[in-house]
Each structure stands twice: as structure tokens, then as C-alpha cells.
Amino acid sequence: MASGWFYLSCLVLGSLGSMCILFTAYWMQFWCGGFAWDGSTHTFNWHPVLTVAGMVVFYGAGDRTPACPARLSLPTALGCWCAQSQGS
């Protein structure tokens, strides 16, 4: 059973990830000229926002989720986790 610290950590890290997306969008909107879908140079301004959202926040949230059986010894579970990390 997960403890209160786990849920607090998830809340803090989820908030930090959301803030990263918002700050990146703010930076692109106000310092780099805004966003566009018309094929102009402002279309590329979506790239940093979507990169932060996809690669940093969403991939980071699911990257280290172990897919190992729950009743493994610690060395076996760490080996399973390392093998998954090398594959990604």
C-alpha cells in the first residue's frame, strides 16, 4: 500500500511537470513571437512546448514504471528494472 509520502511526491512532481509546460508555452508566446499553424516560422514554436510535454513530462512519468512481478527479491527486481532501462 502506498503511503502519504508517495502521493505527496506524485502531486509535487506532477505540478512541477505542469509548470514546466506552462513556462515553456509562456516563453514561446511572449519572447519568441507566439504560435501559428499557417506554415510561417512561428509554427516551429510549438516544437519546444510539445517536446517538453511529450518527452520530459509524459515519458518521464511512465519511463521507470517497473513491469516485473511484485514478489521478486531486491537484486532480481533491480536487474529487471535495469534491463528495462537499457531497452528504452
PDB file of N, CA and C in Angstrom:
ATOM      1  N   MET A   1       0.845  -1.175   0.000  1.00  0.00           N
ATOM      2  CA  MET A   1       0.000   0.000   0.000  1.00  0.00           C
ATOM      3  C   MET A   1       0.888   1.236   0.000  1.00  0.00           C
ATOM      4  N   ALA A   2       0.567   2.164  -0.820  1.00  0.00           N
ATOM      5  CA  ALA A   2       1.356   3.388  -0.918  1.00  0.00           C
ATOM      6  C   ALA A   2       1.088   4.280   0.285  1.00  0.00           C
ATOM      7  N   SER A   3       2.136   4.950   0.713  1.00  0.00           N
ATOM      8  CA  SER A   3       1.997   5.830   1.874  1.00  0.00           C
ATOM      9  C   SER A   3       1.667   7.248   1.422  1.00  0.00           C
ATOM     10  N   GLY A   4       1.456   8.114   2.390  1.00  0.00           N
ATOM     11  CA  GLY A   4       1.138   9.505   2.092  1.00  0.00           C
ATOM     12  C   GLY A   4       2.270  10.227   1.393  1.00  0.00           C
ATOM     13  N   TRP A   5       3.523   9.846   1.692  1.00  0.00           N
ATOM     14  CA  TRP A   5       4.671  10.491   1.056  1.00  0.00           C
ATOM     15  C   TRP A   5       4.704  10.219  -0.441  1.00  0.00           C
ATOM     16  N   PHE A   6       4.280   9.020  -0.835  1.00  0.00           N
ATOM     17  CA  PHE A   6       4.247   8.684  -2.250  1.00  0.00           C
ATOM     18  C   PHE A   6       3.268   9.590  -2.992  1.00  0.00           C
ATOM     19  N   TYR A   7       2.070   9.741  -2.441  1.00  0.00           N
ATOM     20  CA  TYR A   7       1.071  10.583  -3.078  1.00  0.00           C
ATOM     21  C   TYR A   7       1.492  12.044  -3.086  1.00  0.00           C
ATOM     22  N   LEU A   8       2.130  12.491  -2.015  1.00  0.00           N
ATOM     23  CA  LEU A   8       2.637  13.860  -1.970  1.00  0.00           C
ATOM     24  C   LEU A   8       3.720  14.064  -3.028  1.00  0.00           C
ATOM     25  N   SER A   9       4.601  13.088  -3.175  1.00  0.00           N
ATOM     26  CA  SER A   9       5.655  13.179  -4.197  1.00  0.00           C
ATOM     27  C   SER A   9       5.053  13.208  -5.601  1.00  0.00           C
ATOM     28  N   CYS A  10       4.043  12.387  -5.847  1.00  0.00           N
ATOM     29  CA  CYS A  10       3.373  12.398  -7.157  1.00  0.00           C
ATOM     30  C   CYS A  10       2.729  13.743  -7.429  1.00  0.00           C
ATOM     31  N   LEU A  11       2.105  14.319  -6.421  1.00  0.00           N
ATOM     32  CA  LEU A  11       1.472  15.621  -6.573  1.00  0.00           C
ATOM     33  C   LEU A  11       2.504  16.713  -6.860  1.00  0.00           C
ATOM     34  N   VAL A  12       3.602  16.697  -6.130  1.00  0.00           N
ATOM     35  CA  VAL A  12       4.656  17.708  -6.326  1.00  0.00           C
ATOM     36  C   VAL A  12       5.291  17.563  -7.702  1.00  0.00           C
ATOM     37  N   LEU A  13       5.634  16.347  -8.088  1.00  0.00           N
ATOM     38  CA  LEU A  13       6.276  16.139  -9.382  1.00  0.00           C
ATOM     39  C   LEU A  13       5.328  16.398 -10.545  1.00  0.00           C
ATOM     40  N   GLY A  14       4.058  16.043 -10.398  1.00  0.00           N
ATOM     41  CA  GLY A  14       3.073  16.371 -11.432  1.00  0.00           C
ATOM     42  C   GLY A  14       2.889  17.866 -11.580  1.00  0.00           C
ATOM     43  N   SER A  15       2.881  18.573 -10.454  1.00  0.00           N
ATOM     44  CA  SER A  15       2.784  20.039 -10.505  1.00  0.00           C
ATOM     45  C   SER A  15       4.017  20.651 -11.147  1.00  0.00           C
ATOM     46  N   LEU A  16       5.185  20.117 -10.835  1.00  0.00           N
ATOM     47  CA  LEU A  16       6.420  20.617 -11.441  1.00  0.00           C
ATOM     48  C   LEU A  16       6.420  20.388 -12.951  1.00  0.00           C
ATOM     49  N   GLY A  17       5.949  19.234 -13.400  1.00  0.00           N
ATOM     50  CA  GLY A  17       5.861  18.963 -14.832  1.00  0.00           C
ATOM     51  C   GLY A  17       4.887  19.899 -15.525  1.00  0.00           C
ATOM     52  N   SER A  18       3.739  20.149 -14.883  1.00  0.00           N
ATOM     53  CA  SER A  18       2.768  21.088 -15.458  1.00  0.00           C
ATOM     54  C   SER A  18       3.342  22.497 -15.535  1.00  0.00           C
ATOM     55  N   MET A  19       4.086  22.884 -14.509  1.00  0.00           N
ATOM     56  CA  MET A  19       4.715  24.214 -14.531  1.00  0.00           C
ATOM     57  C   MET A  19       5.751  24.310 -15.643  1.00  0.00           C
ATOM     58  N   CYS A  20       6.475  23.237 -15.900  1.00  0.00           N
ATOM     59  CA  CYS A  20       7.451  23.247 -16.999  1.00  0.00           C
ATOM     60  C   CYS A  20       6.753  23.476 -18.336  1.00  0.00           C
ATOM     61  N   ILE A  21       5.619  22.812 -18.550  1.00  0.00           N
ATOM     62  CA  ILE A  21       4.872  23.006 -19.791  1.00  0.00           C
ATOM     63  C   ILE A  21       4.358  24.433 -19.890  1.00  0.00           C
ATOM     64  N   LEU A  22       3.792  24.944 -18.805  1.00  0.00           N
ATOM     65  CA  LEU A  22       3.260  26.314 -18.819  1.00  0.00           C
ATOM     66  C   LEU A  22       4.348  27.359 -19.031  1.00  0.00           C
ATOM     67  N   PHE A  23       5.495  27.195 -18.373  1.00  0.00           N
ATOM     68  CA  PHE A  23       6.592  28.155 -18.552  1.00  0.00           C
ATOM     69  C   PHE A  23       7.147  28.115 -19.965  1.00  0.00           C
ATOM     70  N   THR A  24       7.214  26.926 -20.553  1.00  0.00           N
ATOM     71  CA  THR A  24       7.688  26.817 -21.928  1.00  0.00           C
ATOM     72  C   THR A  24       6.710  27.472 -22.895  1.00  0.00           C
ATOM     73  N   ALA A  25       5.426  27.253 -22.673  1.00  0.00           N
ATOM     74  CA  ALA A  25       4.414  27.893 -23.525  1.00  0.00           C
ATOM     75  C   ALA A  25       4.443  29.408 -23.363  1.00  0.00           C
ATOM     76  N   TYR A  26       4.611  29.873 -22.142  1.00  0.00           N
ATOM     77  CA  TYR A  26       4.695  31.314 -21.886  1.00  0.00           C
ATOM     78  C   TYR A  26       5.911  31.917 -22.587  1.00  0.00           C
ATOM     79  N   TRP A  27       7.044  31.216 -22.493  1.00  0.00           N
ATOM     80  CA  TRP A  27       8.275  31.690 -23.124  1.00  0.00           C
ATOM     81  C   TRP A  27       8.107  31.778 -24.643  1.00  0.00           C
ATOM     82  N   MET A  28       7.510  30.774 -25.233  1.00  0.00           N
ATOM     83  CA  MET A  28       7.327  30.785 -26.685  1.00  0.00           C
ATOM     84  C   MET A  28       6.319  31.844 -27.112  1.00  0.00           C
ATOM     85  N   GLN A  29       5.275  32.052 -26.307  1.00  0.00           N
ATOM     86  CA  GLN A  29       4.244  33.020 -26.670  1.00  0.00           C
ATOM     87  C   GLN A  29       4.760  34.455 -26.607  1.00  0.00           C
ATOM     88  N   PHE A  30       5.453  34.804 -25.545  1.00  0.00           N
ATOM     89  CA  PHE A  30       5.779  36.205 -25.318  1.00  0.00           C
ATOM     90  C   PHE A  30       7.196  36.603 -25.698  1.00  0.00           C
ATOM     91  N   TRP A  31       8.146  35.663 -25.755  1.00  0.00           N
ATOM     92  CA  TRP A  31       9.510  36.028 -26.119  1.00  0.00           C
ATOM     93  C   TRP A  31       9.896  35.585 -27.524  1.00  0.00           C
ATOM     94  N   CYS A  32       9.166  34.651 -28.073  1.00  0.00           N
ATOM     95  CA  CYS A  32       9.526  34.151 -29.408  1.00  0.00           C
ATOM     96  C   CYS A  32       8.466  34.441 -30.457  1.00  0.00           C
ATOM     97  N   GLY A  33       7.490  35.261 -30.143  1.00  0.00           N
ATOM     98  CA  GLY A  33       6.553  35.711 -31.157  1.00  0.00           C
ATOM     99  C   GLY A  33       5.239  34.989 -31.269  1.00  0.00           C
ATOM    100  N   GLY A  34       4.982  33.993 -30.440  1.00  0.00           N
ATOM    101  CA  GLY A  34       3.683  33.331 -30.478  1.00  0.00           C
ATOM    102  C   GLY A  34       3.684  32.050 -31.289  1.00  0.00           C
ATOM    103  N   PHE A  35       2.477  31.543 -31.536  1.00  0.00           N
ATOM    104  CA  PHE A  35       2.286  30.268 -32.216  1.00  0.00           C
ATOM    105  C   PHE A  35       1.513  30.483 -33.511  1.00  0.00           C
ATOM    106  N   ALA A  36       1.662  29.556 -34.443  1.00  0.00           N
ATOM    107  CA  ALA A  36       0.917  29.625 -35.704  1.00  0.00           C
ATOM    108  C   ALA A  36       0.771  28.219 -36.267  1.00  0.00           C
ATOM    109  N   TRP A  37      -0.222  28.045 -37.146  1.00  0.00           N
ATOM    110  CA  TRP A  37      -0.413  26.798 -37.883  1.00  0.00           C
ATOM    111  C   TRP A  37      -0.395  27.058 -39.385  1.00  0.00           C
ATOM    112  N   ASP A  38       0.062  28.226 -39.789  1.00  0.00           N
ATOM    113  CA  ASP A  38      -0.041  28.611 -41.195  1.00  0.00           C
ATOM    114  C   ASP A  38       1.225  28.353 -42.012  1.00  0.00           C
ATOM    115  N   GLY A  39       2.192  27.686 -41.474  1.00  0.00           N
ATOM    116  CA  GLY A  39       3.408  27.388 -42.210  1.00  0.00           C
ATOM    117  C   GLY A  39       4.486  28.454 -42.071  1.00  0.00           C
ATOM    118  N   SER A  40       4.247  29.481 -41.281  1.00  0.00           N
ATOM    119  CA  SER A  40       5.264  30.509 -41.061  1.00  0.00           C
ATOM    120  C   SER A  40       6.300  29.994 -40.064  1.00  0.00           C
ATOM    121  N   THR A  41       7.275  30.838 -39.759  1.00  0.00           N
ATOM    122  CA  THR A  41       8.319  30.421 -38.810  1.00  0.00           C
ATOM    123  C   THR A  41       7.767  30.244 -37.405  1.00  0.00           C
ATOM    124  N   HIS A  42       6.612  30.828 -37.107  1.00  0.00           N
ATOM    125  CA  HIS A  42       6.025  30.666 -35.779  1.00  0.00           C
ATOM    126  C   HIS A  42       5.427  29.283 -35.572  1.00  0.00           C
ATOM    127  N   THR A  43       5.280  28.523 -36.623  1.00  0.00           N
ATOM    128  CA  THR A  43       4.781  27.156 -36.491  1.00  0.00           C
ATOM    129  C   THR A  43       5.770  26.312 -35.700  1.00  0.00           C
ATOM    130  N   PHE A  44       7.055  26.567 -35.877  1.00  0.00           N
ATOM    131  CA  PHE A  44       8.071  25.792 -35.158  1.00  0.00           C
ATOM    132  C   PHE A  44       8.067  26.099 -33.669  1.00  0.00           C
ATOM    133  N   ASN A  45       7.423  27.175 -33.243  1.00  0.00           N
ATOM    134  CA  ASN A  45       7.370  27.490 -31.820  1.00  0.00           C
ATOM    135  C   ASN A  45       6.575  26.466 -31.024  1.00  0.00           C
ATOM    136  N   TRP A  46       5.799  25.626 -31.700  1.00  0.00           N
ATOM    137  CA  TRP A  46       5.123  24.538 -30.999  1.00  0.00           C
ATOM    138  C   TRP A  46       6.104  23.439 -30.594  1.00  0.00           C
ATOM    139  N   HIS A  47       7.212  23.344 -31.268  1.00  0.00           N
ATOM    140  CA  HIS A  47       8.151  22.246 -31.048  1.00  0.00           C
ATOM    141  C   HIS A  47       8.665  22.182 -29.609  1.00  0.00           C
ATOM    142  N   PRO A  48       9.167  23.267 -29.018  1.00  0.00           N
ATOM    143  CA  PRO A  48       9.636  23.152 -27.627  1.00  0.00           C
ATOM    144  C   PRO A  48       8.527  22.805 -26.635  1.00  0.00           C
ATOM    145  N   VAL A  49       7.340  23.333 -26.862  1.00  0.00           N
ATOM    146  CA  VAL A  49       6.230  23.052 -25.944  1.00  0.00           C
ATOM    147  C   VAL A  49       5.848  21.578 -26.013  1.00  0.00           C
ATOM    148  N   LEU A  50       5.705  21.053 -27.217  1.00  0.00           N
ATOM    149  CA  LEU A  50       5.326  19.652 -27.369  1.00  0.00           C
ATOM    150  C   LEU A  50       6.457  18.716 -26.953  1.00  0.00           C
ATOM    151  N   THR A  51       7.697  19.143 -27.125  1.00  0.00           N
ATOM    152  CA  THR A  51       8.833  18.338 -26.676  1.00  0.00           C
ATOM    153  C   THR A  51       8.851  18.238 -25.160  1.00  0.00           C
ATOM    154  N   VAL A  52       8.658  19.353 -24.490  1.00  0.00           N
ATOM    155  CA  VAL A  52       8.618  19.319 -23.021  1.00  0.00           C
ATOM    156  C   VAL A  52       7.442  18.474 -22.547  1.00  0.00           C
ATOM    157  N   ALA A  53       6.289  18.656 -23.166  1.00  0.00           N
ATOM    158  CA  ALA A  53       5.112  17.891 -22.745  1.00  0.00           C
ATOM    159  C   ALA A  53       5.304  16.396 -22.983  1.00  0.00           C
ATOM    160  N   GLY A  54       5.724  16.027 -24.162  1.00  0.00           N
ATOM    161  CA  GLY A  54       5.820  14.613 -24.504  1.00  0.00           C
ATOM    162  C   GLY A  54       7.029  13.909 -23.944  1.00  0.00           C
ATOM    163  N   MET A  55       8.186  14.450 -24.211  1.00  0.00           N
ATOM    164  CA  MET A  55       9.418  13.746 -23.860  1.00  0.00           C
ATOM    165  C   MET A  55       9.771  13.877 -22.384  1.00  0.00           C
ATOM    166  N   VAL A  56       9.607  15.045 -21.829  1.00  0.00           N
ATOM    167  CA  VAL A  56      10.039  15.270 -20.457  1.00  0.00           C
ATOM    168  C   VAL A  56       8.970  14.845 -19.452  1.00  0.00           C
ATOM    169  N   VAL A  57       7.751  15.323 -19.642  1.00  0.00           N
ATOM    170  CA  VAL A  57       6.719  15.091 -18.628  1.00  0.00           C
ATOM    171  C   VAL A  57       6.066  13.726 -18.787  1.00  0.00           C
ATOM    172  N   PHE A  58       5.455  13.451 -19.944  1.00  0.00           N
ATOM    173  CA  PHE A  58       4.705  12.209 -20.094  1.00  0.00           C
ATOM    174  C   PHE A  58       5.601  10.982 -20.177  1.00  0.00           C
ATOM    175  N   TYR A  59       6.699  11.070 -20.909  1.00  0.00           N
ATOM    176  CA  TYR A  59       7.614   9.929 -20.986  1.00  0.00           C
ATOM    177  C   TYR A  59       8.303   9.704 -19.645  1.00  0.00           C
ATOM    178  N   GLY A  60       8.643  10.795 -18.968  1.00  0.00           N
ATOM    179  CA  GLY A  60       9.289  10.675 -17.663  1.00  0.00           C
ATOM    180  C   GLY A  60       8.382  10.066 -16.614  1.00  0.00           C
ATOM    181  N   ALA A  61       7.074  10.290 -16.719  1.00  0.00           N
ATOM    182  CA  ALA A  61       6.140   9.742 -15.736  1.00  0.00           C
ATOM    183  C   ALA A  61       6.002   8.234 -15.881  1.00  0.00           C
ATOM    184  N   GLY A  62       6.098   7.703 -17.072  1.00  0.00           N
ATOM    185  CA  GLY A  62       5.913   6.278 -17.269  1.00  0.00           C
ATOM    186  C   GLY A  62       7.175   5.503 -17.549  1.00  0.00           C
ATOM    187  N   ASP A  63       8.314   6.163 -17.601  1.00  0.00           N
ATOM    188  CA  ASP A  63       9.547   5.501 -18.002  1.00  0.00           C
ATOM    189  C   ASP A  63      10.023   4.481 -16.980  1.00  0.00           C
ATOM    190  N   ARG A  64       9.961   4.811 -15.739  1.00  0.00           N
ATOM    191  CA  ARG A  64      10.530   3.938 -14.714  1.00  0.00           C
ATOM    192  C   ARG A  64       9.495   3.097 -13.990  1.00  0.00           C
ATOM    193  N   THR A  65       8.359   2.891 -14.614  1.00  0.00           N
ATOM    194  CA  THR A  65       7.345   2.032 -14.017  1.00  0.00           C
ATOM    195  C   THR A  65       7.752   0.584 -14.257  1.00  0.00           C
ATOM    196  N   PRO A  66       8.092  -0.127 -13.205  1.00  0.00           N
ATOM    197  CA  PRO A  66       8.567  -1.496 -13.416  1.00  0.00           C
ATOM    198  C   PRO A  66       7.442  -2.431 -13.828  1.00  0.00           C
ATOM    199  N   ALA A  67       7.731  -3.288 -14.783  1.00  0.00           N
ATOM    200  CA  ALA A  67       6.764  -4.289 -15.238  1.00  0.00           C
ATOM    201  C   ALA A  67       7.210  -5.665 -14.780  1.00  0.00           C
ATOM    202  N   CYS A  68       7.767  -5.739 -13.583  1.00  0.00           N
ATOM    203  CA  CYS A  68       8.250  -7.001 -13.027  1.00  0.00           C
ATOM    204  C   CYS A  68       7.214  -7.558 -12.058  1.00  0.00           C
ATOM    205  N   PRO A  69       7.240  -8.852 -11.823  1.00  0.00           N
ATOM    206  CA  PRO A  69       6.361  -9.413 -10.800  1.00  0.00           C
ATOM    207  C   PRO A  69       6.631  -8.768  -9.437  1.00  0.00           C
ATOM    208  N   ALA A  70       5.608  -8.700  -8.613  1.00  0.00           N
ATOM    209  CA  ALA A  70       5.709  -7.975  -7.345  1.00  0.00           C
ATOM    210  C   ALA A  70       6.550  -8.709  -6.304  1.00  0.00           C
ATOM    211  N   ARG A  71       6.666 -10.017  -6.384  1.00  0.00           N
ATOM    212  CA  ARG A  71       7.343 -10.776  -5.334  1.00  0.00           C
ATOM    213  C   ARG A  71       8.728 -11.232  -5.762  1.00  0.00           C
ATOM    214  N   LEU A  72       9.554 -10.296  -6.172  1.00  0.00           N
ATOM    215  CA  LEU A  72      10.935 -10.615  -6.522  1.00  0.00           C
ATOM    216  C   LEU A  72      11.852 -10.138  -5.415  1.00  0.00           C
ATOM    217  N   SER A  73      12.997 -10.781  -5.303  1.00  0.00           N
ATOM    218  CA  SER A  73      13.981 -10.279  -4.356  1.00  0.00           C
ATOM    219  C   SER A  73      14.532  -8.959  -4.884  1.00  0.00           C
ATOM    220  N   LEU A  74      15.135  -8.183  -4.017  1.00  0.00           N
ATOM    221  CA  LEU A  74      15.620  -6.864  -4.400  1.00  0.00           C
ATOM    222  C   LEU A  74      16.639  -6.927  -5.540  1.00  0.00           C
ATOM    223  N   PRO A  75      17.647  -7.782  -5.505  1.00  0.00           N
ATOM    224  CA  PRO A  75      18.590  -7.819  -6.639  1.00  0.00           C
ATOM    225  C   PRO A  75      17.925  -8.205  -7.958  1.00  0.00           C
ATOM    226  N   THR A  76      16.974  -9.127  -7.914  1.00  0.00           N
ATOM    227  CA  THR A  76      16.274  -9.536  -9.134  1.00  0.00           C
ATOM    228  C   THR A  76      15.409  -8.402  -9.667  1.00  0.00           C
ATOM    229  N   ALA A  77      14.714  -7.702  -8.768  1.00  0.00           N
ATOM    230  CA  ALA A  77      13.878  -6.572  -9.193  1.00  0.00           C
ATOM    231  C   ALA A  77      14.732  -5.451  -9.776  1.00  0.00           C
ATOM    232  N   LEU A  78      15.888  -5.176  -9.170  1.00  0.00           N
ATOM    233  CA  LEU A  78      16.784  -4.149  -9.710  1.00  0.00           C
ATOM    234  C   LEU A  78      17.333  -4.556 -11.072  1.00  0.00           C
ATOM    235  N   GLY A  79      17.634  -5.837 -11.238  1.00  0.00           N
ATOM    236  CA  GLY A  79      18.101  -6.315 -12.536  1.00  0.00           C
ATOM    237  C   GLY A  79      17.030  -6.181 -13.603  1.00  0.00           C
ATOM    238  N   CYS A  80      15.785  -6.474 -13.234  1.00  0.00           N
ATOM    239  CA  CYS A  80      14.664  -6.322 -14.168  1.00  0.00           C
ATOM    240  C   CYS A  80      14.488  -4.855 -14.544  1.00  0.00           C
ATOM    241  N   TRP A  81      14.593  -3.964 -13.555  1.00  0.00           N
ATOM    242  CA  TRP A  81      14.445  -2.531 -13.803  1.00  0.00           C
ATOM    243  C   TRP A  81      15.575  -2.015 -14.694  1.00  0.00           C
ATOM    244  N   CYS A  82      16.815  -2.468 -14.445  1.00  0.00           N
ATOM    245  CA  CYS A  82      17.957  -2.037 -15.269  1.00  0.00           C
ATOM    246  C   CYS A  82      17.816  -2.544 -16.702  1.00  0.00           C
ATOM    247  N   ALA A  83      17.327  -3.753 -16.867  1.00  0.00           N
ATOM    248  CA  ALA A  83      17.143  -4.292 -18.210  1.00  0.00           C
ATOM    249  C   ALA A  83      16.102  -3.486 -18.969  1.00  0.00           C
ATOM    250  N   GLN A  84      15.036  -3.057 -18.291  1.00  0.00           N
ATOM    251  CA  GLN A  84      14.029  -2.233 -18.942  1.00  0.00           C
ATOM    252  C   GLN A  84      14.587  -0.858 -19.282  1.00  0.00           C
ATOM    253  N   SER A  85      15.436  -0.327 -18.416  1.00  0.00           N
ATOM    254  CA  SER A  85      16.017   0.993 -18.653  1.00  0.00           C
ATOM    255  C   SER A  85      16.943   0.980 -19.855  1.00  0.00           C
ATOM    256  N   GLN A  86      17.656  -0.097 -20.054  1.00  0.00           N
ATOM    257  CA  GLN A  86      18.571  -0.183 -21.193  1.00  0.00           C
ATOM    258  C   GLN A  86      17.813  -0.317 -22.502  1.00  0.00           C
ATOM    259  N   GLY A  87      16.623  -0.866 -22.439  1.00  0.00           N
ATOM    260  CA  GLY A  87      15.837  -1.069 -23.643  1.00  0.00           C
ATOM    261  C   GLY A  87      15.147   0.198 -24.143  1.00  0.00           C
ATOM    262  N   SER A  88      14.998   1.180 -23.277  1.00  0.00           N
ATOM    263  CA  SER A  88      14.273   2.385 -23.702  1.00  0.00           C
ATOM    264  C   SER A  88      15.180   3.487 -24.157  1.00  0.00           C
TER     265      SER A  88
END
